[in-house]
Amino acid sequence: MSWPGKFFKFKYVCEQTWRYEAKSVNRYRAKMKKIFFLFFTLMILSLTGFAQFPHCLMPGYVFGVIDDDTLLNTRKVLLNSGIKKIYAYQTSSESLKTHDSKTTVLNESGNVESITACFSKNKDNKEPWCVSSTFLYDDRGRIREIKFRDRNGYEITQTILDHISEKEYKLISISKIQNNQWDTLSTDHRFFNTKGQMIKLTRLIKGRSPETSLYYYNADGLLDSVQYENPHLPTIVYKRRKKGKKKIIEAQIQNSKFKWVFNQSGQCTSNEVTTIFPQNSNYTGTLKSESNYYYYPDGTLLKVSLKRSDKVKATMHYTYSK
């Protein structure tokens, strides 16, 4: 598969932001658990190929989503360029309430070894602070465990992968609760066809009924649609068209309309999202955002720019070590 076929193996579009404001030590620890649950959810919805993680179907927000850029900085590109470490820093982190910088360390196989995200001091935190995740692999190079640590180095969440067979695995998410006891938050049961494409996902989240989604592909092996067994959830259909030398993909996902543009090299150059918030939500009206992606000649990310209709603007810059 040439162009964006590599982006079409999995379903979920990344969450757009995660927020943090701590006002005391006790409130800090409670909020940190919420943040890590989201951080951890974002990570565990992903896990193969670099794009190494299957949580994102398509390139997305990048700002505040720790691993969203792995669909842009692919494992193949990083290996070809001999990259060992990625350093990313952004402007406007305060207005977006996200991390200021992150450092990603890769192993000899080009797989993620660790990710550290750092935040600057503010009115609630007198000192800068960081959170981190560590990735462990089996002898076949498959992720078997992810460990997440808070600013003090305490391990508070884990993701464990149980590779049942070549066509099936379970992804188990656990977190420390009161008295330092571990508790299972969610379990994903994923099924694949002989081409390695995910065809079924059953997700069990604590306190909720199981949710099952089915995945269908076109003749070119690209994801065509996602259908839910829950009749209240609409089917997601991915529409493709060409415009000159560009290839465009569009999808309507609940209240949001997505549009991705790819160049001849298969690189995503832009992503537009238009969300119409329902009347019973915390927001009103329509929010539009546009992300543009720029690359170095070797294919690695140079920067990502963000512009939103609420006048928020930001840029994520990337540098590399070999």
C-alpha atoms as a PDB file:
ATOM      1  CA  MET A   1       0.000   0.000   0.000  1.00  0.00           C
ATOM      2  CA  SER A   2       1.399   3.400  -0.925  1.00  0.00           C
ATOM      3  CA  TRP A   3      -0.275   6.590   0.223  1.00  0.00           C
ATOM      4  CA  PRO A   4      -2.280   6.708   3.413  1.00  0.00           C
ATOM      5  CA  GLY A   5      -3.137   3.027   3.499  1.00  0.00           C
ATOM      6  CA  LYS A   6      -0.789   2.617   6.430  1.00  0.00           C
ATOM      7  CA  PHE A   7      -3.060   4.883   8.440  1.00  0.00           C
ATOM      8  CA  PHE A   8      -6.175   2.801   8.008  1.00  0.00           C
ATOM      9  CA  LYS A   9      -5.779  -0.217  10.214  1.00  0.00           C
ATOM     10  CA  PHE A  10      -7.541   1.079  13.277  1.00  0.00           C
ATOM     11  CA  LYS A  11     -10.598   3.025  14.260  1.00  0.00           C
ATOM     12  CA  TYR A  12     -10.242   5.682  16.848  1.00  0.00           C
ATOM     13  CA  VAL A  13      -9.581   9.349  16.236  1.00  0.00           C
ATOM     14  CA  CYS A  14      -7.479  10.704  19.074  1.00  0.00           C
ATOM     15  CA  GLU A  15      -8.918  12.754  21.861  1.00  0.00           C
ATOM     16  CA  GLN A  16      -8.236  16.419  21.176  1.00  0.00           C
ATOM     17  CA  THR A  17      -6.861  17.644  24.476  1.00  0.00           C
ATOM     18  CA  TRP A  18      -6.277  16.783  28.111  1.00  0.00           C
ATOM     19  CA  ARG A  19      -6.257  19.295  30.901  1.00  0.00           C
ATOM     20  CA  TYR A  20      -4.518  19.704  34.194  1.00  0.00           C
ATOM     21  CA  GLU A  21      -4.943  22.252  36.998  1.00  0.00           C
ATOM     22  CA  ALA A  22      -3.900  21.207  40.518  1.00  0.00           C
ATOM     23  CA  LYS A  23      -4.566  23.487  43.461  1.00  0.00           C
ATOM     24  CA  SER A  24      -3.217  21.484  46.387  1.00  0.00           C
ATOM     25  CA  VAL A  25      -1.228  18.321  46.980  1.00  0.00           C
ATOM     26  CA  ASN A  26      -4.320  16.247  47.712  1.00  0.00           C
ATOM     27  CA  ARG A  27      -6.256  17.601  44.772  1.00  0.00           C
ATOM     28  CA  TYR A  28      -3.146  17.162  42.660  1.00  0.00           C
ATOM     29  CA  ARG A  29      -3.031  13.414  43.275  1.00  0.00           C
ATOM     30  CA  ALA A  30      -6.740  13.022  42.525  1.00  0.00           C
ATOM     31  CA  LYS A  31      -6.438  15.016  39.326  1.00  0.00           C
ATOM     32  CA  MET A  32      -3.284  13.190  38.319  1.00  0.00           C
ATOM     33  CA  LYS A  33      -5.202   9.930  38.344  1.00  0.00           C
ATOM     34  CA  LYS A  34      -7.724  11.448  35.952  1.00  0.00           C
ATOM     35  CA  ILE A  35      -4.986  12.768  33.705  1.00  0.00           C
ATOM     36  CA  PHE A  36      -3.152   9.505  33.666  1.00  0.00           C
ATOM     37  CA  PHE A  37      -6.334   7.642  32.910  1.00  0.00           C
ATOM     38  CA  LEU A  38      -6.750   9.819  29.810  1.00  0.00           C
ATOM     39  CA  PHE A  39      -3.033   9.721  29.004  1.00  0.00           C
ATOM     40  CA  PHE A  40      -3.096   5.988  29.456  1.00  0.00           C
ATOM     41  CA  THR A  41      -6.310   5.588  27.463  1.00  0.00           C
ATOM     42  CA  LEU A  42      -4.822   7.544  24.597  1.00  0.00           C
ATOM     43  CA  MET A  43      -1.799   5.309  24.616  1.00  0.00           C
ATOM     44  CA  ILE A  44      -3.484   1.952  25.007  1.00  0.00           C
ATOM     45  CA  LEU A  45      -5.964   2.498  22.263  1.00  0.00           C
ATOM     46  CA  SER A  46      -2.898   2.231  20.101  1.00  0.00           C
ATOM     47  CA  LEU A  47      -0.192  -0.444  20.000  1.00  0.00           C
ATOM     48  CA  THR A  48       1.476  -1.678  16.820  1.00  0.00           C
ATOM     49  CA  GLY A  49       3.773  -0.286  14.226  1.00  0.00           C
ATOM     50  CA  PHE A  50       5.257   3.213  14.508  1.00  0.00           C
ATOM     51  CA  ALA A  51       2.635   4.424  13.941  1.00  0.00           C
ATOM     52  CA  GLN A  52       3.377   1.985  16.708  1.00  0.00           C
ATOM     53  CA  PHE A  53       0.126   2.334  18.492  1.00  0.00           C
ATOM     54  CA  PRO A  54      -3.300   1.344  17.222  1.00  0.00           C
ATOM     55  CA  HIS A  55      -5.312   4.049  18.976  1.00  0.00           C
ATOM     56  CA  CYS A  56      -5.436   6.582  16.169  1.00  0.00           C
ATOM     57  CA  LEU A  57      -6.904   5.860  12.816  1.00  0.00           C
ATOM     58  CA  MET A  58      -5.646   9.092  11.326  1.00  0.00           C
ATOM     59  CA  PRO A  59      -3.265  11.936  12.169  1.00  0.00           C
ATOM     60  CA  GLY A  60      -4.892  14.358  14.535  1.00  0.00           C
ATOM     61  CA  TYR A  61      -4.498  16.991  17.190  1.00  0.00           C
ATOM     62  CA  VAL A  62      -0.867  16.378  18.346  1.00  0.00           C
ATOM     63  CA  PHE A  63      -1.148  19.146  20.970  1.00  0.00           C
ATOM     64  CA  GLY A  64      -1.717  17.470  24.310  1.00  0.00           C
ATOM     65  CA  VAL A  65      -2.064  14.003  22.789  1.00  0.00           C
ATOM     66  CA  ILE A  66       1.237  12.434  23.737  1.00  0.00           C
ATOM     67  CA  ASP A  67       1.597   9.894  20.930  1.00  0.00           C
ATOM     68  CA  ASP A  68      -0.635  11.330  18.196  1.00  0.00           C
ATOM     69  CA  ASP A  69       2.372  12.235  16.057  1.00  0.00           C
ATOM     70  CA  THR A  70       3.445   8.596  15.680  1.00  0.00           C
ATOM     71  CA  LEU A  71       1.178   8.439  12.629  1.00  0.00           C
ATOM     72  CA  LEU A  72       3.295  11.217  11.101  1.00  0.00           C
ATOM     73  CA  ASN A  73       6.760  10.253  12.327  1.00  0.00           C
ATOM     74  CA  THR A  74       6.501   6.638  11.240  1.00  0.00           C
ATOM     75  CA  ARG A  75       8.825   3.901  12.424  1.00  0.00           C
ATOM     76  CA  LYS A  76      10.086   3.347   8.875  1.00  0.00           C
ATOM     77  CA  VAL A  77      11.078   6.998   8.446  1.00  0.00           C
ATOM     78  CA  LEU A  78      12.754   7.152  11.858  1.00  0.00           C
ATOM     79  CA  LEU A  79      14.714   3.945  11.208  1.00  0.00           C
ATOM     80  CA  ASN A  80      15.853   5.113   7.771  1.00  0.00           C
ATOM     81  CA  SER A  81      17.081   8.381   9.281  1.00  0.00           C
ATOM     82  CA  GLY A  82      18.836   6.675  12.212  1.00  0.00           C
ATOM     83  CA  ILE A  83      16.843   8.632  14.800  1.00  0.00           C
ATOM     84  CA  LYS A  84      17.358   7.654  18.454  1.00  0.00           C
ATOM     85  CA  LYS A  85      15.629  10.512  20.253  1.00  0.00           C
ATOM     86  CA  ILE A  86      12.858  12.986  19.394  1.00  0.00           C
ATOM     87  CA  TYR A  87      12.443  16.292  21.196  1.00  0.00           C
ATOM     88  CA  ALA A  88       9.254  18.289  20.625  1.00  0.00           C
ATOM     89  CA  TYR A  89       8.320  21.626  22.148  1.00  0.00           C
ATOM     90  CA  GLN A  90       5.361  23.885  21.600  1.00  0.00           C
ATOM     91  CA  THR A  91       4.121  27.436  21.862  1.00  0.00           C
ATOM     92  CA  SER A  92       0.856  28.375  23.589  1.00  0.00           C
ATOM     93  CA  SER A  93       0.943  25.406  25.970  1.00  0.00           C
ATOM     94  CA  GLU A  94      -0.580  27.582  28.697  1.00  0.00           C
ATOM     95  CA  SER A  95      -3.657  28.525  26.653  1.00  0.00           C
ATOM     96  CA  LEU A  96      -4.084  24.902  25.524  1.00  0.00           C
ATOM     97  CA  LYS A  97      -3.356  23.582  29.048  1.00  0.00           C
ATOM     98  CA  THR A  98      -1.058  20.892  27.690  1.00  0.00           C
ATOM     99  CA  HIS A  99       2.568  19.846  28.063  1.00  0.00           C
ATOM    100  CA  ASP A 100       5.338  22.251  27.011  1.00  0.00           C
ATOM    101  CA  SER A 101       7.662  19.594  25.697  1.00  0.00           C
ATOM    102  CA  LYS A 102       8.122  15.871  25.321  1.00  0.00           C
ATOM    103  CA  THR A 103      11.080  13.597  24.740  1.00  0.00           C
ATOM    104  CA  THR A 104      10.706  10.244  22.990  1.00  0.00           C
ATOM    105  CA  VAL A 105      13.501   7.664  23.181  1.00  0.00           C
ATOM    106  CA  LEU A 106      13.664   4.890  20.570  1.00  0.00           C
ATOM    107  CA  ASN A 107      15.394   1.521  20.794  1.00  0.00           C
ATOM    108  CA  GLU A 108      17.580  -0.055  18.090  1.00  0.00           C
ATOM    109  CA  SER A 109      14.514  -1.426  16.318  1.00  0.00           C
ATOM    110  CA  GLY A 110      12.923   2.005  16.078  1.00  0.00           C
ATOM    111  CA  ASN A 111      10.296   1.170  18.687  1.00  0.00           C
ATOM    112  CA  VAL A 112       9.367   3.619  21.426  1.00  0.00           C
ATOM    113  CA  GLU A 113      11.278   2.921  24.609  1.00  0.00           C
ATOM    114  CA  SER A 114       9.974   5.828  26.678  1.00  0.00           C
ATOM    115  CA  ILE A 115       8.018   9.073  26.439  1.00  0.00           C
ATOM    116  CA  THR A 116       8.419  11.914  28.938  1.00  0.00           C
ATOM    117  CA  ALA A 117       6.072  14.911  28.861  1.00  0.00           C
ATOM    118  CA  CYS A 118       6.963  18.038  30.846  1.00  0.00           C
ATOM    119  CA  PHE A 119       4.909  20.971  32.077  1.00  0.00           C
ATOM    120  CA  SER A 120       6.092  24.424  33.083  1.00  0.00           C
ATOM    121  CA  LYS A 121       5.414  26.044  36.432  1.00  0.00           C
ATOM    122  CA  ASN A 122       2.240  28.089  36.811  1.00  0.00           C
ATOM    123  CA  LYS A 123       0.109  29.668  39.517  1.00  0.00           C
ATOM    124  CA  ASP A 124      -0.786  26.226  40.899  1.00  0.00           C
ATOM    125  CA  ASN A 125       2.630  24.556  40.517  1.00  0.00           C
ATOM    126  CA  LYS A 126       5.717  26.453  41.634  1.00  0.00           C
ATOM    127  CA  GLU A 127       8.130  24.087  39.897  1.00  0.00           C
ATOM    128  CA  PRO A 128       8.203  22.445  36.460  1.00  0.00           C
ATOM    129  CA  TRP A 129       7.141  18.780  36.464  1.00  0.00           C
ATOM    130  CA  CYS A 130       7.089  15.753  34.175  1.00  0.00           C
ATOM    131  CA  VAL A 131       5.209  12.482  33.699  1.00  0.00           C
ATOM    132  CA  SER A 132       6.523   9.459  31.833  1.00  0.00           C
ATOM    133  CA  SER A 133       5.705   6.114  30.262  1.00  0.00           C
ATOM    134  CA  THR A 134       7.962   3.114  29.628  1.00  0.00           C
ATOM    135  CA  PHE A 135       7.382   0.448  26.959  1.00  0.00           C
ATOM    136  CA  LEU A 136       8.422  -3.194  27.328  1.00  0.00           C
ATOM    137  CA  TYR A 137       8.582  -5.686  24.420  1.00  0.00           C
ATOM    138  CA  ASP A 138       8.609  -9.452  24.021  1.00  0.00           C
ATOM    139  CA  ASP A 139      11.275 -11.367  22.063  1.00  0.00           C
ATOM    140  CA  ARG A 140       9.287 -10.823  18.856  1.00  0.00           C
ATOM    141  CA  GLY A 141       9.304  -7.054  19.221  1.00  0.00           C
ATOM    142  CA  ARG A 142       5.646  -6.823  20.265  1.00  0.00           C
ATOM    143  CA  ILE A 143       4.605  -4.517  23.086  1.00  0.00           C
ATOM    144  CA  ARG A 144       3.825  -6.594  26.165  1.00  0.00           C
ATOM    145  CA  GLU A 145       3.516  -3.897  28.812  1.00  0.00           C
ATOM    146  CA  ILE A 146       3.386  -0.121  29.278  1.00  0.00           C
ATOM    147  CA  LYS A 147       4.064   1.502  32.634  1.00  0.00           C
ATOM    148  CA  PHE A 148       2.989   5.041  33.510  1.00  0.00           C
ATOM    149  CA  ARG A 149       4.575   7.085  36.276  1.00  0.00           C
ATOM    150  CA  ASP A 150       3.564  10.362  37.908  1.00  0.00           C
ATOM    151  CA  ARG A 151       5.798  13.354  38.659  1.00  0.00           C
ATOM    152  CA  ASN A 152       7.259  11.598  41.704  1.00  0.00           C
ATOM    153  CA  GLY A 153       8.099   8.429  39.823  1.00  0.00           C
ATOM    154  CA  TYR A 154       5.243   6.386  41.270  1.00  0.00           C
ATOM    155  CA  GLU A 155       3.770   3.797  38.928  1.00  0.00           C
ATOM    156  CA  ILE A 156       0.021   4.382  38.829  1.00  0.00           C
ATOM    157  CA  THR A 157      -1.227   2.713  35.633  1.00  0.00           C
ATOM    158  CA  GLN A 158      -0.248  -0.252  33.462  1.00  0.00           C
ATOM    159  CA  THR A 159      -1.279  -1.653  30.115  1.00  0.00           C
ATOM    160  CA  ILE A 160      -0.719  -5.387  29.623  1.00  0.00           C
ATOM    161  CA  LEU A 161      -0.994  -7.136  26.255  1.00  0.00           C
ATOM    162  CA  ASP A 162      -1.935 -10.808  26.141  1.00  0.00           C
ATOM    163  CA  HIS A 163      -1.063 -12.117  22.664  1.00  0.00           C
ATOM    164  CA  ILE A 164      -3.433 -15.083  22.412  1.00  0.00           C
ATOM    165  CA  SER A 165      -2.616 -15.925  18.789  1.00  0.00           C
ATOM    166  CA  GLU A 166      -1.611 -14.265  15.509  1.00  0.00           C
ATOM    167  CA  LYS A 167      -5.237 -13.268  15.027  1.00  0.00           C
ATOM    168  CA  GLU A 168      -6.219 -12.299  18.533  1.00  0.00           C
ATOM    169  CA  TYR A 169      -4.983 -10.435  21.590  1.00  0.00           C
ATOM    170  CA  LYS A 170      -6.290  -8.816  24.747  1.00  0.00           C
ATOM    171  CA  LEU A 171      -5.244  -5.410  25.991  1.00  0.00           C
ATOM    172  CA  ILE A 172      -5.804  -5.040  29.733  1.00  0.00           C
ATOM    173  CA  SER A 173      -5.672  -1.675  31.487  1.00  0.00           C
ATOM    174  CA  ILE A 174      -5.103  -1.532  35.229  1.00  0.00           C
ATOM    175  CA  SER A 175      -4.624   1.327  37.680  1.00  0.00           C
ATOM    176  CA  LYS A 176      -3.716   1.779  41.323  1.00  0.00           C
ATOM    177  CA  ILE A 177      -6.640   2.758  43.526  1.00  0.00           C
ATOM    178  CA  GLN A 178      -6.882   3.429  47.229  1.00  0.00           C
ATOM    179  CA  ASN A 179      -4.467   1.500  49.480  1.00  0.00           C
ATOM    180  CA  ASN A 180      -2.196   0.989  46.428  1.00  0.00           C
ATOM    181  CA  GLN A 181      -4.332  -1.905  45.194  1.00  0.00           C
ATOM    182  CA  TRP A 182      -4.456  -2.587  41.450  1.00  0.00           C
ATOM    183  CA  ASP A 183      -7.834  -2.572  39.723  1.00  0.00           C
ATOM    184  CA  THR A 184      -8.769  -3.426  36.117  1.00  0.00           C
ATOM    185  CA  LEU A 185     -10.232  -0.420  34.328  1.00  0.00           C
ATOM    186  CA  SER A 186     -10.874  -1.873  30.885  1.00  0.00           C
ATOM    187  CA  THR A 187     -10.193  -4.824  28.602  1.00  0.00           C
ATOM    188  CA  ASP A 188      -9.996  -4.762  24.798  1.00  0.00           C
ATOM    189  CA  HIS A 189     -10.421  -8.030  22.905  1.00  0.00           C
ATOM    190  CA  ARG A 190      -9.185  -7.569  19.327  1.00  0.00           C
ATOM    191  CA  PHE A 191      -9.556  -9.929  16.377  1.00  0.00           C
ATOM    192  CA  PHE A 192      -7.653  -9.807  13.066  1.00  0.00           C
ATOM    193  CA  ASN A 193      -7.881 -11.407   9.627  1.00  0.00           C
ATOM    194  CA  THR A 194      -5.042 -13.135   7.767  1.00  0.00           C
ATOM    195  CA  LYS A 195      -3.865  -9.751   6.409  1.00  0.00           C
ATOM    196  CA  GLY A 196      -3.355  -8.396   9.908  1.00  0.00           C
ATOM    197  CA  GLN A 197      -6.341  -6.066   9.668  1.00  0.00           C
ATOM    198  CA  MET A 198      -8.479  -5.656  12.765  1.00  0.00           C
ATOM    199  CA  ILE A 199     -11.992  -6.894  12.005  1.00  0.00           C
ATOM    200  CA  LYS A 200     -13.594  -6.859  15.444  1.00  0.00           C
ATOM    201  CA  LEU A 201     -13.092  -5.100  18.758  1.00  0.00           C
ATOM    202  CA  THR A 202     -14.968  -5.844  21.967  1.00  0.00           C
ATOM    203  CA  ARG A 203     -14.297  -3.329  24.731  1.00  0.00           C
ATOM    204  CA  LEU A 204     -15.278  -3.831  28.344  1.00  0.00           C
ATOM    205  CA  ILE A 205     -14.967  -0.765  30.568  1.00  0.00           C
ATOM    206  CA  LYS A 206     -15.545  -1.112  34.282  1.00  0.00           C
ATOM    207  CA  GLY A 207     -19.105  -0.260  35.206  1.00  0.00           C
ATOM    208  CA  ARG A 208     -20.363  -0.281  31.620  1.00  0.00           C
ATOM    209  CA  SER A 209     -21.825  -2.827  29.221  1.00  0.00           C
ATOM    210  CA  PRO A 210     -19.461  -4.350  26.607  1.00  0.00           C
ATOM    211  CA  GLU A 211     -19.192  -2.472  23.308  1.00  0.00           C
ATOM    212  CA  THR A 212     -18.422  -4.240  20.029  1.00  0.00           C
ATOM    213  CA  SER A 213     -17.382  -2.666  16.724  1.00  0.00           C
ATOM    214  CA  LEU A 214     -16.836  -4.316  13.331  1.00  0.00           C
ATOM    215  CA  TYR A 215     -14.367  -3.170  10.647  1.00  0.00           C
ATOM    216  CA  TYR A 216     -14.812  -3.444   6.884  1.00  0.00           C
ATOM    217  CA  TYR A 217     -12.189  -2.869   4.160  1.00  0.00           C
ATOM    218  CA  ASN A 218     -12.356  -2.057   0.472  1.00  0.00           C
ATOM    219  CA  ALA A 219     -10.646  -3.933  -2.389  1.00  0.00           C
ATOM    220  CA  ASP A 220      -7.433  -1.946  -1.815  1.00  0.00           C
ATOM    221  CA  GLY A 221      -7.259  -3.086   1.803  1.00  0.00           C
ATOM    222  CA  LEU A 222      -8.172   0.339   3.194  1.00  0.00           C
ATOM    223  CA  LEU A 223     -10.662   0.770   5.992  1.00  0.00           C
ATOM    224  CA  ASP A 224     -14.024   1.506   4.420  1.00  0.00           C
ATOM    225  CA  SER A 225     -16.343   1.697   7.416  1.00  0.00           C
ATOM    226  CA  VAL A 226     -16.812   0.960  11.111  1.00  0.00           C
ATOM    227  CA  GLN A 227     -20.101  -0.462  12.327  1.00  0.00           C
ATOM    228  CA  TYR A 228     -21.229  -0.748  15.948  1.00  0.00           C
ATOM    229  CA  GLU A 229     -23.437  -3.443  17.385  1.00  0.00           C
ATOM    230  CA  ASN A 230     -25.036  -0.723  19.513  1.00  0.00           C
ATOM    231  CA  PRO A 231     -27.880   0.533  17.266  1.00  0.00           C
ATOM    232  CA  HIS A 232     -27.636   4.012  18.811  1.00  0.00           C
ATOM    233  CA  LEU A 233     -24.145   4.566  17.391  1.00  0.00           C
ATOM    234  CA  PRO A 234     -23.990   5.528  13.711  1.00  0.00           C
ATOM    235  CA  THR A 235     -21.819   3.715  11.181  1.00  0.00           C
ATOM    236  CA  ILE A 236     -18.627   5.616  10.265  1.00  0.00           C
ATOM    237  CA  VAL A 237     -17.907   5.732   6.533  1.00  0.00           C
ATOM    238  CA  TYR A 238     -14.576   6.984   5.135  1.00  0.00           C
ATOM    239  CA  LYS A 239     -14.943   8.742   1.787  1.00  0.00           C
ATOM    240  CA  ARG A 240     -11.948   9.189  -0.522  1.00  0.00           C
ATOM    241  CA  ARG A 241     -11.417  11.471  -3.498  1.00  0.00           C
ATOM    242  CA  LYS A 242      -8.608  13.021  -5.520  1.00  0.00           C
ATOM    243  CA  LYS A 243      -7.993  16.716  -6.131  1.00  0.00           C
ATOM    244  CA  GLY A 244      -5.105  17.244  -8.487  1.00  0.00           C
ATOM    245  CA  LYS A 245      -2.086  15.544  -6.946  1.00  0.00           C
ATOM    246  CA  LYS A 246      -3.688  15.436  -3.512  1.00  0.00           C
ATOM    247  CA  LYS A 247      -5.766  12.676  -1.975  1.00  0.00           C
ATOM    248  CA  ILE A 248      -8.504  13.594   0.450  1.00  0.00           C
ATOM    249  CA  ILE A 249     -10.318  11.513   3.055  1.00  0.00           C
ATOM    250  CA  GLU A 250     -13.455  12.671   4.845  1.00  0.00           C
ATOM    251  CA  ALA A 251     -15.607  11.224   7.610  1.00  0.00           C
ATOM    252  CA  GLN A 252     -18.507  12.242   9.817  1.00  0.00           C
ATOM    253  CA  ILE A 253     -18.033  10.961  13.367  1.00  0.00           C
ATOM    254  CA  GLN A 254     -21.010  11.859  15.523  1.00  0.00           C
ATOM    255  CA  ASN A 255     -21.019  15.689  15.837  1.00  0.00           C
ATOM    256  CA  SER A 256     -17.679  16.200  14.104  1.00  0.00           C
ATOM    257  CA  LYS A 257     -16.701  16.329  10.446  1.00  0.00           C
ATOM    258  CA  PHE A 258     -13.095  15.362   9.627  1.00  0.00           C
ATOM    259  CA  LYS A 259     -11.008  16.035   6.548  1.00  0.00           C
ATOM    260  CA  TRP A 260      -7.446  14.825   5.886  1.00  0.00           C
ATOM    261  CA  VAL A 261      -5.268  15.791   2.915  1.00  0.00           C
ATOM    262  CA  PHE A 262      -2.287  13.687   1.740  1.00  0.00           C
ATOM    263  CA  ASN A 263       0.484  14.514  -0.728  1.00  0.00           C
ATOM    264  CA  GLN A 264       1.970  12.264  -3.409  1.00  0.00           C
ATOM    265  CA  SER A 265       4.431  10.780  -0.908  1.00  0.00           C
ATOM    266  CA  GLY A 266       1.597   9.596   1.332  1.00  0.00           C
ATOM    267  CA  GLN A 267       2.320  12.222   3.991  1.00  0.00           C
ATOM    268  CA  CYS A 268      -0.606  13.885   5.692  1.00  0.00           C
ATOM    269  CA  THR A 269      -0.296  17.631   5.121  1.00  0.00           C
ATOM    270  CA  SER A 270      -3.418  18.884   6.877  1.00  0.00           C
ATOM    271  CA  ASN A 271      -6.344  17.915   9.080  1.00  0.00           C
ATOM    272  CA  GLU A 272      -9.537  19.908   9.502  1.00  0.00           C
ATOM    273  CA  VAL A 273     -12.175  19.248  12.156  1.00  0.00           C
ATOM    274  CA  THR A 274     -15.538  20.970  12.457  1.00  0.00           C
ATOM    275  CA  THR A 275     -17.569  20.157  15.574  1.00  0.00           C
ATOM    276  CA  ILE A 276     -21.141  21.286  16.222  1.00  0.00           C
ATOM    277  CA  PHE A 277     -21.785  20.996  19.938  1.00  0.00           C
ATOM    278  CA  PRO A 278     -25.242  19.785  21.027  1.00  0.00           C
ATOM    279  CA  GLN A 279     -27.368  22.045  23.207  1.00  0.00           C
ATOM    280  CA  ASN A 280     -26.937  19.875  26.303  1.00  0.00           C
ATOM    281  CA  SER A 281     -23.106  20.021  26.198  1.00  0.00           C
ATOM    282  CA  ASN A 282     -20.748  22.285  28.139  1.00  0.00           C
ATOM    283  CA  TYR A 283     -19.973  24.180  24.927  1.00  0.00           C
ATOM    284  CA  THR A 284     -22.230  25.861  22.411  1.00  0.00           C
ATOM    285  CA  GLY A 285     -21.974  26.663  18.753  1.00  0.00           C
ATOM    286  CA  THR A 286     -19.402  25.411  16.256  1.00  0.00           C
ATOM    287  CA  LEU A 287     -15.665  24.975  16.725  1.00  0.00           C
ATOM    288  CA  LYS A 288     -13.351  24.656  13.727  1.00  0.00           C
ATOM    289  CA  SER A 289      -9.700  23.652  13.874  1.00  0.00           C
ATOM    290  CA  GLU A 290      -7.020  23.171  11.246  1.00  0.00           C
ATOM    291  CA  SER A 291      -3.689  21.421  11.738  1.00  0.00           C
ATOM    292  CA  ASN A 292      -0.959  21.632   9.106  1.00  0.00           C
ATOM    293  CA  TYR A 293       2.002  19.242   9.032  1.00  0.00           C
ATOM    294  CA  TYR A 294       5.467  20.127   7.692  1.00  0.00           C
ATOM    295  CA  TYR A 295       8.378  17.736   7.054  1.00  0.00           C
ATOM    296  CA  TYR A 296      12.151  17.691   6.720  1.00  0.00           C
ATOM    297  CA  PRO A 297      13.561  16.319   3.430  1.00  0.00           C
ATOM    298  CA  ASP A 298      14.157  12.909   5.090  1.00  0.00           C
ATOM    299  CA  GLY A 299      10.432  12.634   5.905  1.00  0.00           C
ATOM    300  CA  THR A 300      10.615  13.361   9.636  1.00  0.00           C
ATOM    301  CA  LEU A 301       8.322  15.971  11.146  1.00  0.00           C
ATOM    302  CA  LEU A 302       9.543  19.568  11.125  1.00  0.00           C
ATOM    303  CA  LYS A 303       6.569  21.228  12.809  1.00  0.00           C
ATOM    304  CA  VAL A 304       2.806  21.107  13.298  1.00  0.00           C
ATOM    305  CA  SER A 305       0.741  24.291  13.329  1.00  0.00           C
ATOM    306  CA  LEU A 306      -2.726  24.660  14.825  1.00  0.00           C
ATOM    307  CA  LYS A 307      -5.349  27.324  14.177  1.00  0.00           C
ATOM    308  CA  ARG A 308      -8.830  27.308  15.729  1.00  0.00           C
ATOM    309  CA  SER A 309     -11.933  29.410  15.246  1.00  0.00           C
ATOM    310  CA  ASP A 310     -11.764  30.512  18.907  1.00  0.00           C
ATOM    311  CA  LYS A 311      -8.523  32.350  17.977  1.00  0.00           C
ATOM    312  CA  VAL A 312      -6.207  29.821  19.632  1.00  0.00           C
ATOM    313  CA  LYS A 313      -2.980  29.311  17.681  1.00  0.00           C
ATOM    314  CA  ALA A 314      -0.015  27.047  18.461  1.00  0.00           C
ATOM    315  CA  THR A 315       3.017  25.421  16.861  1.00  0.00           C
ATOM    316  CA  MET A 316       4.809  22.184  17.782  1.00  0.00           C
ATOM    317  CA  HIS A 317       8.483  22.087  16.723  1.00  0.00           C
ATOM    318  CA  TYR A 318      10.595  18.925  16.349  1.00  0.00           C
ATOM    319  CA  THR A 319      14.320  18.258  16.627  1.00  0.00           C
ATOM    320  CA  TYR A 320      16.169  14.913  16.528  1.00  0.00           C
ATOM    321  CA  SER A 321      19.258  13.115  17.804  1.00  0.00           C
ATOM    322  CA  LYS A 322      20.992  10.200  16.098  1.00  0.00           C
END
